[in-house]
Amino acid sequence: MKTYRRHNCTRTHRTWTTLAKCIWPRATWIHGNGPYASVARCGRGTTVQLCTSPEDAQEMKDAIDSTGCGGRCMRRHELIQLTRTA
């Protein structure tokens, strides 16, 4: 699983959602809360589902992998752990 620490500003974000919005500012949508992200980077844009556990994030990714994420699915789905730096 990849780990993302760097983002687009110098702030220390208080929530996982605000950190995700900083990392993926052009995401079509960002839902959930937690440090584990199931990310789909396909034809219609990036979507991010935040989860509280790596198992939940894996379940989200498995669901997208098995069904696709739409008509323009390019199978660019991954799990990412977010880390807030102090």
PDB file of N, CA and C in Angstrom:
ATOM      1  N   MET A   1       0.848  -1.172   0.000  1.00  0.00           N
ATOM      2  CA  MET A   1       0.000   0.000   0.000  1.00  0.00           C
ATOM      3  C   MET A   1       0.896   1.239   0.000  1.00  0.00           C
ATOM      4  N   LYS A   2       0.588   2.164  -0.885  1.00  0.00           N
ATOM      5  CA  LYS A   2       1.335   3.418  -0.939  1.00  0.00           C
ATOM      6  C   LYS A   2       0.976   4.281   0.261  1.00  0.00           C
ATOM      7  N   THR A   3       1.910   5.147   0.642  1.00  0.00           N
ATOM      8  CA  THR A   3       1.657   6.113   1.697  1.00  0.00           C
ATOM      9  C   THR A   3       1.892   7.501   1.141  1.00  0.00           C
ATOM     10  N   TYR A   4       0.891   8.384   1.305  1.00  0.00           N
ATOM     11  CA  TYR A   4       1.015   9.771   0.867  1.00  0.00           C
ATOM     12  C   TYR A   4       1.171  10.670   2.081  1.00  0.00           C
ATOM     13  N   ARG A   5       2.258  11.431   2.112  1.00  0.00           N
ATOM     14  CA  ARG A   5       2.505  12.418   3.152  1.00  0.00           C
ATOM     15  C   ARG A   5       2.460  13.836   2.583  1.00  0.00           C
ATOM     16  N   ARG A   6       2.900  13.965   1.352  1.00  0.00           N
ATOM     17  CA  ARG A   6       3.009  15.275   0.715  1.00  0.00           C
ATOM     18  C   ARG A   6       1.669  15.697   0.140  1.00  0.00           C
ATOM     19  N   HIS A   7       1.433  17.003   0.205  1.00  0.00           N
ATOM     20  CA  HIS A   7       0.220  17.551  -0.369  1.00  0.00           C
ATOM     21  C   HIS A   7       0.530  18.924  -0.924  1.00  0.00           C
ATOM     22  N   ASN A   8      -0.481  19.650  -1.350  1.00  0.00           N
ATOM     23  CA  ASN A   8      -0.289  20.856  -2.136  1.00  0.00           C
ATOM     24  C   ASN A   8      -0.146  22.148  -1.342  1.00  0.00           C
ATOM     25  N   CYS A   9       0.087  22.076  -0.047  1.00  0.00           N
ATOM     26  CA  CYS A   9       0.248  23.292   0.740  1.00  0.00           C
ATOM     27  C   CYS A   9       1.139  23.007   1.940  1.00  0.00           C
ATOM     28  N   THR A  10       1.321  23.983   2.793  1.00  0.00           N
ATOM     29  CA  THR A  10       2.190  23.812   3.965  1.00  0.00           C
ATOM     30  C   THR A  10       1.394  23.629   5.254  1.00  0.00           C
ATOM     31  N   ARG A  11       0.079  23.547   5.155  1.00  0.00           N
ATOM     32  CA  ARG A  11      -0.757  23.390   6.340  1.00  0.00           C
ATOM     33  C   ARG A  11      -0.669  21.983   6.924  1.00  0.00           C
ATOM     34  N   THR A  12      -1.012  21.886   8.202  1.00  0.00           N
ATOM     35  CA  THR A  12      -1.223  20.598   8.836  1.00  0.00           C
ATOM     36  C   THR A  12      -2.733  20.435   8.944  1.00  0.00           C
ATOM     37  N   HIS A  13      -3.307  19.602   8.102  1.00  0.00           N
ATOM     38  CA  HIS A  13      -4.754  19.461   8.032  1.00  0.00           C
ATOM     39  C   HIS A  13      -5.286  18.689   9.234  1.00  0.00           C
ATOM     40  N   ARG A  14      -6.404  19.162   9.774  1.00  0.00           N
ATOM     41  CA  ARG A  14      -6.994  18.545  10.963  1.00  0.00           C
ATOM     42  C   ARG A  14      -7.768  17.277  10.668  1.00  0.00           C
ATOM     43  N   THR A  15      -8.374  17.197   9.490  1.00  0.00           N
ATOM     44  CA  THR A  15      -9.183  16.021   9.164  1.00  0.00           C
ATOM     45  C   THR A  15      -8.632  15.317   7.937  1.00  0.00           C
ATOM     46  N   TRP A  16      -8.994  14.050   7.818  1.00  0.00           N
ATOM     47  CA  TRP A  16      -8.558  13.264   6.665  1.00  0.00           C
ATOM     48  C   TRP A  16      -9.207  13.786   5.396  1.00  0.00           C
ATOM     49  N   THR A  17     -10.431  14.274   5.503  1.00  0.00           N
ATOM     50  CA  THR A  17     -11.126  14.794   4.331  1.00  0.00           C
ATOM     51  C   THR A  17     -10.430  16.026   3.778  1.00  0.00           C
ATOM     52  N   THR A  18     -10.030  16.948   4.640  1.00  0.00           N
ATOM     53  CA  THR A  18      -9.351  18.144   4.150  1.00  0.00           C
ATOM     54  C   THR A  18      -7.978  17.795   3.582  1.00  0.00           C
ATOM     55  N   LEU A  19      -7.304  16.827   4.156  1.00  0.00           N
ATOM     56  CA  LEU A  19      -6.025  16.379   3.600  1.00  0.00           C
ATOM     57  C   LEU A  19      -6.244  15.768   2.214  1.00  0.00           C
ATOM     58  N   ALA A  20      -7.267  14.939   2.083  1.00  0.00           N
ATOM     59  CA  ALA A  20      -7.561  14.327   0.787  1.00  0.00           C
ATOM     60  C   ALA A  20      -7.914  15.392  -0.253  1.00  0.00           C
ATOM     61  N   LYS A  21      -8.667  16.414   0.145  1.00  0.00           N
ATOM     62  CA  LYS A  21      -9.012  17.494  -0.785  1.00  0.00           C
ATOM     63  C   LYS A  21      -7.770  18.263  -1.229  1.00  0.00           C
ATOM     64  N   CYS A  22      -6.781  18.357  -0.370  1.00  0.00           N
ATOM     65  CA  CYS A  22      -5.536  19.033  -0.714  1.00  0.00           C
ATOM     66  C   CYS A  22      -4.690  18.156  -1.659  1.00  0.00           C
ATOM     67  N   ILE A  23      -4.666  16.851  -1.403  1.00  0.00           N
ATOM     68  CA  ILE A  23      -3.897  15.932  -2.243  1.00  0.00           C
ATOM     69  C   ILE A  23      -4.519  15.794  -3.625  1.00  0.00           C
ATOM     70  N   TRP A  24      -5.852  15.690  -3.674  1.00  0.00           N
ATOM     71  CA  TRP A  24      -6.574  15.513  -4.937  1.00  0.00           C
ATOM     72  C   TRP A  24      -7.548  16.684  -5.128  1.00  0.00           C
ATOM     73  N   PRO A  25      -7.055  17.874  -5.436  1.00  0.00           N
ATOM     74  CA  PRO A  25      -7.935  19.049  -5.520  1.00  0.00           C
ATOM     75  C   PRO A  25      -8.953  18.977  -6.665  1.00  0.00           C
ATOM     76  N   ARG A  26      -8.695  18.188  -7.664  1.00  0.00           N
ATOM     77  CA  ARG A  26      -9.618  18.089  -8.798  1.00  0.00           C
ATOM     78  C   ARG A  26     -10.446  16.810  -8.778  1.00  0.00           C
ATOM     79  N   ALA A  27     -10.502  16.139  -7.635  1.00  0.00           N
ATOM     80  CA  ALA A  27     -11.277  14.902  -7.531  1.00  0.00           C
ATOM     81  C   ALA A  27     -12.750  15.180  -7.801  1.00  0.00           C
ATOM     82  N   THR A  28     -13.376  14.260  -8.493  1.00  0.00           N
ATOM     83  CA  THR A  28     -14.803  14.370  -8.774  1.00  0.00           C
ATOM     84  C   THR A  28     -15.590  14.334  -7.474  1.00  0.00           C
ATOM     85  N   TRP A  29     -15.219  13.421  -6.588  1.00  0.00           N
ATOM     86  CA  TRP A  29     -15.799  13.393  -5.253  1.00  0.00           C
ATOM     87  C   TRP A  29     -14.860  12.713  -4.275  1.00  0.00           C
ATOM     88  N   ILE A  30     -15.018  13.093  -3.001  1.00  0.00           N
ATOM     89  CA  ILE A  30     -14.280  12.501  -1.888  1.00  0.00           C
ATOM     90  C   ILE A  30     -15.317  12.226  -0.798  1.00  0.00           C
ATOM     91  N   HIS A  31     -15.461  10.951  -0.411  1.00  0.00           N
ATOM     92  CA  HIS A  31     -16.446  10.570   0.601  1.00  0.00           C
ATOM     93  C   HIS A  31     -15.770   9.823   1.736  1.00  0.00           C
ATOM     94  N   GLY A  32     -16.402   9.846   2.880  1.00  0.00           N
ATOM     95  CA  GLY A  32     -15.937   9.068   4.021  1.00  0.00           C
ATOM     96  C   GLY A  32     -14.991   9.834   4.916  1.00  0.00           C
ATOM     97  N   ASN A  33     -14.395   9.093   5.836  1.00  0.00           N
ATOM     98  CA  ASN A  33     -13.449   9.668   6.780  1.00  0.00           C
ATOM     99  C   ASN A  33     -12.492   8.569   7.223  1.00  0.00           C
ATOM    100  N   GLY A  34     -11.244   8.892   7.331  1.00  0.00           N
ATOM    101  CA  GLY A  34     -10.252   7.926   7.775  1.00  0.00           C
ATOM    102  C   GLY A  34      -8.977   8.044   6.971  1.00  0.00           C
ATOM    103  N   PRO A  35      -7.922   7.411   7.453  1.00  0.00           N
ATOM    104  CA  PRO A  35      -6.607   7.547   6.830  1.00  0.00           C
ATOM    105  C   PRO A  35      -6.326   6.592   5.672  1.00  0.00           C
ATOM    106  N   TYR A  36      -7.288   5.747   5.312  1.00  0.00           N
ATOM    107  CA  TYR A  36      -7.077   4.797   4.221  1.00  0.00           C
ATOM    108  C   TYR A  36      -7.998   5.165   3.067  1.00  0.00           C
ATOM    109  N   ALA A  37      -7.430   5.251   1.875  1.00  0.00           N
ATOM    110  CA  ALA A  37      -8.194   5.705   0.716  1.00  0.00           C
ATOM    111  C   ALA A  37      -8.192   4.650  -0.381  1.00  0.00           C
ATOM    112  N   SER A  38      -9.380   4.402  -0.918  1.00  0.00           N
ATOM    113  CA  SER A  38      -9.538   3.633  -2.135  1.00  0.00           C
ATOM    114  C   SER A  38      -9.709   4.668  -3.239  1.00  0.00           C
ATOM    115  N   VAL A  39      -8.743   4.731  -4.149  1.00  0.00           N
ATOM    116  CA  VAL A  39      -8.705   5.785  -5.160  1.00  0.00           C
ATOM    117  C   VAL A  39      -8.864   5.176  -6.542  1.00  0.00           C
ATOM    118  N   ALA A  40      -9.777   5.759  -7.323  1.00  0.00           N
ATOM    119  CA  ALA A  40      -9.977   5.342  -8.718  1.00  0.00           C
ATOM    120  C   ALA A  40      -9.643   6.533  -9.601  1.00  0.00           C
ATOM    121  N   ARG A  41      -8.667   6.352 -10.466  1.00  0.00           N
ATOM    122  CA  ARG A  41      -8.254   7.405 -11.407  1.00  0.00           C
ATOM    123  C   ARG A  41      -8.601   6.942 -12.808  1.00  0.00           C
ATOM    124  N   CYS A  42      -9.836   7.140 -13.171  1.00  0.00           N
ATOM    125  CA  CYS A  42     -10.296   6.641 -14.459  1.00  0.00           C
ATOM    126  C   CYS A  42     -10.801   7.779 -15.329  1.00  0.00           C
ATOM    127  N   GLY A  43     -11.390   7.439 -16.467  1.00  0.00           N
ATOM    128  CA  GLY A  43     -11.752   8.393 -17.501  1.00  0.00           C
ATOM    129  C   GLY A  43     -12.568   9.595 -17.068  1.00  0.00           C
ATOM    130  N   ARG A  44     -13.437   9.438 -16.103  1.00  0.00           N
ATOM    131  CA  ARG A  44     -14.294  10.544 -15.699  1.00  0.00           C
ATOM    132  C   ARG A  44     -13.715  11.353 -14.554  1.00  0.00           C
ATOM    133  N   GLY A  45     -12.521  11.064 -14.133  1.00  0.00           N
ATOM    134  CA  GLY A  45     -11.890  11.807 -13.058  1.00  0.00           C
ATOM    135  C   GLY A  45     -11.525  10.905 -11.898  1.00  0.00           C
ATOM    136  N   THR A  46     -10.945  11.506 -10.884  1.00  0.00           N
ATOM    137  CA  THR A  46     -10.506  10.783  -9.698  1.00  0.00           C
ATOM    138  C   THR A  46     -11.624  10.760  -8.670  1.00  0.00           C
ATOM    139  N   THR A  47     -11.853   9.581  -8.075  1.00  0.00           N
ATOM    140  CA  THR A  47     -12.791   9.467  -6.965  1.00  0.00           C
ATOM    141  C   THR A  47     -12.047   8.857  -5.787  1.00  0.00           C
ATOM    142  N   VAL A  48     -12.387   9.330  -4.582  1.00  0.00           N
ATOM    143  CA  VAL A  48     -11.685   8.904  -3.379  1.00  0.00           C
ATOM    144  C   VAL A  48     -12.706   8.496  -2.328  1.00  0.00           C
ATOM    145  N   GLN A  49     -12.572   7.267  -1.821  1.00  0.00           N
ATOM    146  CA  GLN A  49     -13.400   6.789  -0.719  1.00  0.00           C
ATOM    147  C   GLN A  49     -12.488   6.595   0.477  1.00  0.00           C
ATOM    148  N   LEU A  50     -12.686   7.401   1.532  1.00  0.00           N
ATOM    149  CA  LEU A  50     -11.865   7.310   2.734  1.00  0.00           C
ATOM    150  C   LEU A  50     -12.468   6.292   3.701  1.00  0.00           C
ATOM    151  N   CYS A  51     -11.603   5.512   4.351  1.00  0.00           N
ATOM    152  CA  CYS A  51     -12.052   4.465   5.267  1.00  0.00           C
ATOM    153  C   CYS A  51     -11.216   4.505   6.545  1.00  0.00           C
ATOM    154  N   THR A  52     -11.763   3.946   7.611  1.00  0.00           N
ATOM    155  CA  THR A  52     -11.065   3.954   8.898  1.00  0.00           C
ATOM    156  C   THR A  52     -10.102   2.787   9.060  1.00  0.00           C
ATOM    157  N   SER A  53     -10.242   1.752   8.240  1.00  0.00           N
ATOM    158  CA  SER A  53      -9.336   0.606   8.351  1.00  0.00           C
ATOM    159  C   SER A  53      -8.862   0.181   6.966  1.00  0.00           C
ATOM    160  N   PRO A  54      -7.697  -0.447   6.908  1.00  0.00           N
ATOM    161  CA  PRO A  54      -7.207  -0.918   5.612  1.00  0.00           C
ATOM    162  C   PRO A  54      -8.109  -2.010   5.024  1.00  0.00           C
ATOM    163  N   GLU A  55      -8.756  -2.786   5.890  1.00  0.00           N
ATOM    164  CA  GLU A  55      -9.659  -3.837   5.409  1.00  0.00           C
ATOM    165  C   GLU A  55     -10.873  -3.234   4.697  1.00  0.00           C
ATOM    166  N   ASP A  56     -11.431  -2.160   5.278  1.00  0.00           N
ATOM    167  CA  ASP A  56     -12.570  -1.493   4.638  1.00  0.00           C
ATOM    168  C   ASP A  56     -12.167  -0.893   3.289  1.00  0.00           C
ATOM    169  N   ALA A  57     -10.989  -0.287   3.247  1.00  0.00           N
ATOM    170  CA  ALA A  57     -10.509   0.297   1.993  1.00  0.00           C
ATOM    171  C   ALA A  57     -10.298  -0.793   0.946  1.00  0.00           C
ATOM    172  N   GLN A  58      -9.780  -1.939   1.359  1.00  0.00           N
ATOM    173  CA  GLN A  58      -9.579  -3.059   0.437  1.00  0.00           C
ATOM    174  C   GLN A  58     -10.921  -3.559  -0.094  1.00  0.00           C
ATOM    175  N   GLU A  59     -11.943  -3.609   0.768  1.00  0.00           N
ATOM    176  CA  GLU A  59     -13.279  -4.012   0.323  1.00  0.00           C
ATOM    177  C   GLU A  59     -13.816  -3.062  -0.740  1.00  0.00           C
ATOM    178  N   MET A  60     -13.609  -1.756  -0.518  1.00  0.00           N
ATOM    179  CA  MET A  60     -14.053  -0.760  -1.499  1.00  0.00           C
ATOM    180  C   MET A  60     -13.328  -0.954  -2.835  1.00  0.00           C
ATOM    181  N   LYS A  61     -12.033  -1.161  -2.767  1.00  0.00           N
ATOM    182  CA  LYS A  61     -11.252  -1.362  -3.990  1.00  0.00           C
ATOM    183  C   LYS A  61     -11.673  -2.641  -4.697  1.00  0.00           C
ATOM    184  N   ASP A  62     -11.893  -3.708  -3.940  1.00  0.00           N
ATOM    185  CA  ASP A  62     -12.323  -4.976  -4.538  1.00  0.00           C
ATOM    186  C   ASP A  62     -13.661  -4.821  -5.256  1.00  0.00           C
ATOM    187  N   ALA A  63     -14.572  -4.044  -4.662  1.00  0.00           N
ATOM    188  CA  ALA A  63     -15.880  -3.814  -5.293  1.00  0.00           C
ATOM    189  C   ALA A  63     -15.706  -3.066  -6.615  1.00  0.00           C
ATOM    190  N   ILE A  64     -14.861  -2.056  -6.625  1.00  0.00           N
ATOM    191  CA  ILE A  64     -14.612  -1.302  -7.861  1.00  0.00           C
ATOM    192  C   ILE A  64     -13.906  -2.181  -8.889  1.00  0.00           C
ATOM    193  N   ASP A  65     -12.927  -2.980  -8.427  1.00  0.00           N
ATOM    194  CA  ASP A  65     -12.193  -3.855  -9.343  1.00  0.00           C
ATOM    195  C   ASP A  65     -13.127  -4.866 -10.020  1.00  0.00           C
ATOM    196  N   SER A  66     -14.094  -5.384  -9.272  1.00  0.00           N
ATOM    197  CA  SER A  66     -14.953  -6.435  -9.820  1.00  0.00           C
ATOM    198  C   SER A  66     -16.074  -5.886 -10.703  1.00  0.00           C
ATOM    199  N   THR A  67     -16.516  -4.667 -10.442  1.00  0.00           N
ATOM    200  CA  THR A  67     -17.647  -4.136 -11.207  1.00  0.00           C
ATOM    201  C   THR A  67     -17.241  -3.045 -12.186  1.00  0.00           C
ATOM    202  N   GLY A  68     -16.049  -2.505 -12.026  1.00  0.00           N
ATOM    203  CA  GLY A  68     -15.643  -1.353 -12.825  1.00  0.00           C
ATOM    204  C   GLY A  68     -16.244  -0.099 -12.220  1.00  0.00           C
ATOM    205  N   CYS A  69     -15.776   1.022 -12.655  1.00  0.00           N
ATOM    206  CA  CYS A  69     -16.258   2.274 -12.051  1.00  0.00           C
ATOM    207  C   CYS A  69     -16.998   3.133 -13.073  1.00  0.00           C
ATOM    208  N   GLY A  70     -17.462   2.498 -14.136  1.00  0.00           N
ATOM    209  CA  GLY A  70     -18.216   3.229 -15.148  1.00  0.00           C
ATOM    210  C   GLY A  70     -17.772   2.842 -16.546  1.00  0.00           C
ATOM    211  N   GLY A  71     -18.363   3.464 -17.527  1.00  0.00           N
ATOM    212  CA  GLY A  71     -18.095   3.134 -18.914  1.00  0.00           C
ATOM    213  C   GLY A  71     -16.673   3.425 -19.370  1.00  0.00           C
ATOM    214  N   ARG A  72     -16.013   4.326 -18.702  1.00  0.00           N
ATOM    215  CA  ARG A  72     -14.640   4.679 -19.087  1.00  0.00           C
ATOM    216  C   ARG A  72     -13.598   4.124 -18.117  1.00  0.00           C
ATOM    217  N   CYS A  73     -13.918   3.045 -17.443  1.00  0.00           N
ATOM    218  CA  CYS A  73     -13.008   2.464 -16.451  1.00  0.00           C
ATOM    219  C   CYS A  73     -11.713   2.017 -17.119  1.00  0.00           C
ATOM    220  N   MET A  74     -10.596   2.464 -16.577  1.00  0.00           N
ATOM    221  CA  MET A  74      -9.281   2.108 -17.112  1.00  0.00           C
ATOM    222  C   MET A  74      -8.505   1.223 -16.137  1.00  0.00           C
ATOM    223  N   ARG A  75      -9.210   0.734 -15.095  1.00  0.00           N
ATOM    224  CA  ARG A  75      -8.607  -0.150 -14.090  1.00  0.00           C
ATOM    225  C   ARG A  75      -7.434   0.490 -13.354  1.00  0.00           C
ATOM    226  N   ARG A  76      -7.519   1.789 -13.114  1.00  0.00           N
ATOM    227  CA  ARG A  76      -6.471   2.486 -12.367  1.00  0.00           C
ATOM    228  C   ARG A  76      -6.972   2.732 -10.949  1.00  0.00           C
ATOM    229  N   HIS A  77      -7.062   1.646 -10.171  1.00  0.00           N
ATOM    230  CA  HIS A  77      -7.574   1.693  -8.814  1.00  0.00           C
ATOM    231  C   HIS A  77      -6.446   1.312  -7.855  1.00  0.00           C
ATOM    232  N   GLU A  78      -6.350   2.020  -6.727  1.00  0.00           N
ATOM    233  CA  GLU A  78      -5.280   1.704  -5.786  1.00  0.00           C
ATOM    234  C   GLU A  78      -5.674   2.066  -4.361  1.00  0.00           C
ATOM    235  N   LEU A  79      -4.931   1.494  -3.421  1.00  0.00           N
ATOM    236  CA  LEU A  79      -5.092   1.792  -2.001  1.00  0.00           C
ATOM    237  C   LEU A  79      -3.965   2.702  -1.561  1.00  0.00           C
ATOM    238  N   ILE A  80      -4.315   3.713  -0.785  1.00  0.00           N
ATOM    239  CA  ILE A  80      -3.319   4.671  -0.313  1.00  0.00           C
ATOM    240  C   ILE A  80      -3.577   4.964   1.158  1.00  0.00           C
ATOM    241  N   GLN A  81      -2.525   4.943   1.943  1.00  0.00           N
ATOM    242  CA  GLN A  81      -2.625   5.348   3.341  1.00  0.00           C
ATOM    243  C   GLN A  81      -2.185   6.792   3.438  1.00  0.00           C
ATOM    244  N   LEU A  82      -3.015   7.631   4.059  1.00  0.00           N
ATOM    245  CA  LEU A  82      -2.694   9.041   4.252  1.00  0.00           C
ATOM    246  C   LEU A  82      -2.020   9.223   5.606  1.00  0.00           C
ATOM    247  N   THR A  83      -1.016  10.081   5.642  1.00  0.00           N
ATOM    248  CA  THR A  83      -0.301  10.368   6.875  1.00  0.00           C
ATOM    249  C   THR A  83      -0.179  11.884   7.028  1.00  0.00           C
ATOM    250  N   ARG A  84      -0.634  12.372   8.170  1.00  0.00           N
ATOM    251  CA  ARG A  84      -0.496  13.801   8.451  1.00  0.00           C
ATOM    252  C   ARG A  84       0.866  14.026   9.102  1.00  0.00           C
ATOM    253  N   THR A  85       1.655  14.916   8.521  1.00  0.00           N
ATOM    254  CA  THR A  85       2.963  15.220   9.104  1.00  0.00           C
ATOM    255  C   THR A  85       2.807  16.361  10.095  1.00  0.00           C
ATOM    256  N   ALA A  86       3.586  16.307  11.135  1.00  0.00           N
ATOM    257  CA  ALA A  86       3.504  17.344  12.178  1.00  0.00           C
ATOM    258  C   ALA A  86       4.579  18.372  11.980  1.00  0.00           C
TER     259      ALA A  86
END
